[in-house]
């Protein structure tokens, strides 16, 4: 990716806390996700093509768009069963372990904010042996998951930090829009599951991966440093989810 000589205005400051998405940002769960949802679609008579563009959306919100209300609870229980029972191939993404370790060592308040439910998040964290920060927000912790702002707001609240003072790292458009609606101060995207072009429309900066993200963690705060990346659009107000 081209070098960003200067950072977008939204990133020209330090942040008190860092909020991280999990799937597609810290861990690669794509093989498990694809196997589980394809089987779920077969069992429920859903065309898998209807799942296109749904990455980052909670299973409950997705199922609500696919099936009639009478089937929601049983269909949700089934996808949880399938995904928790199949974590084969789930692995850490490059730079995830190093990033979490650096944030911990620098004393930067950090939270994982995921669309997975509590049981699935635990299974994926355990199989990858990813260090668990003090705060993990899952789909079970909020009434409305991504693409609504509630998970990011809860993550900031549990860290005792205003959302405006949080740096978000995410890989999905739905998650980025949710973070923008939550008023999070800076949005960095990684194109692991979504094209850089799509992410640029929502994020402040797109980097090729966590290994390309350069942070200054002095004084227990996080500041994004110029480096490889693609700036997003000009600053704008919150986006409604």
Foldseek 3Di string as FASTA:
>chain_A
DDFDPDFAPLQPDWFQAEEEEPDLAWKPQPVQLVVLVVVLCVVVVHDCVLCPQVPQAAPLVSVPVTDDPVCRPVSVVSSLVSSLVDRPPMETDPQNQVVVVVLVVLQRHYEYQYSAAPSNVVSSCVVHVRDHGPYYHYNVNDPGGWLAQVSLCVSCVVSVHQQLRYEYEEAHPRVLLSSLQSNHRAYEYEPRPHDPVVVLQRHQKYAPGNVFFDWDCPPNITHTDTTHIDGHDHDDHRDHD
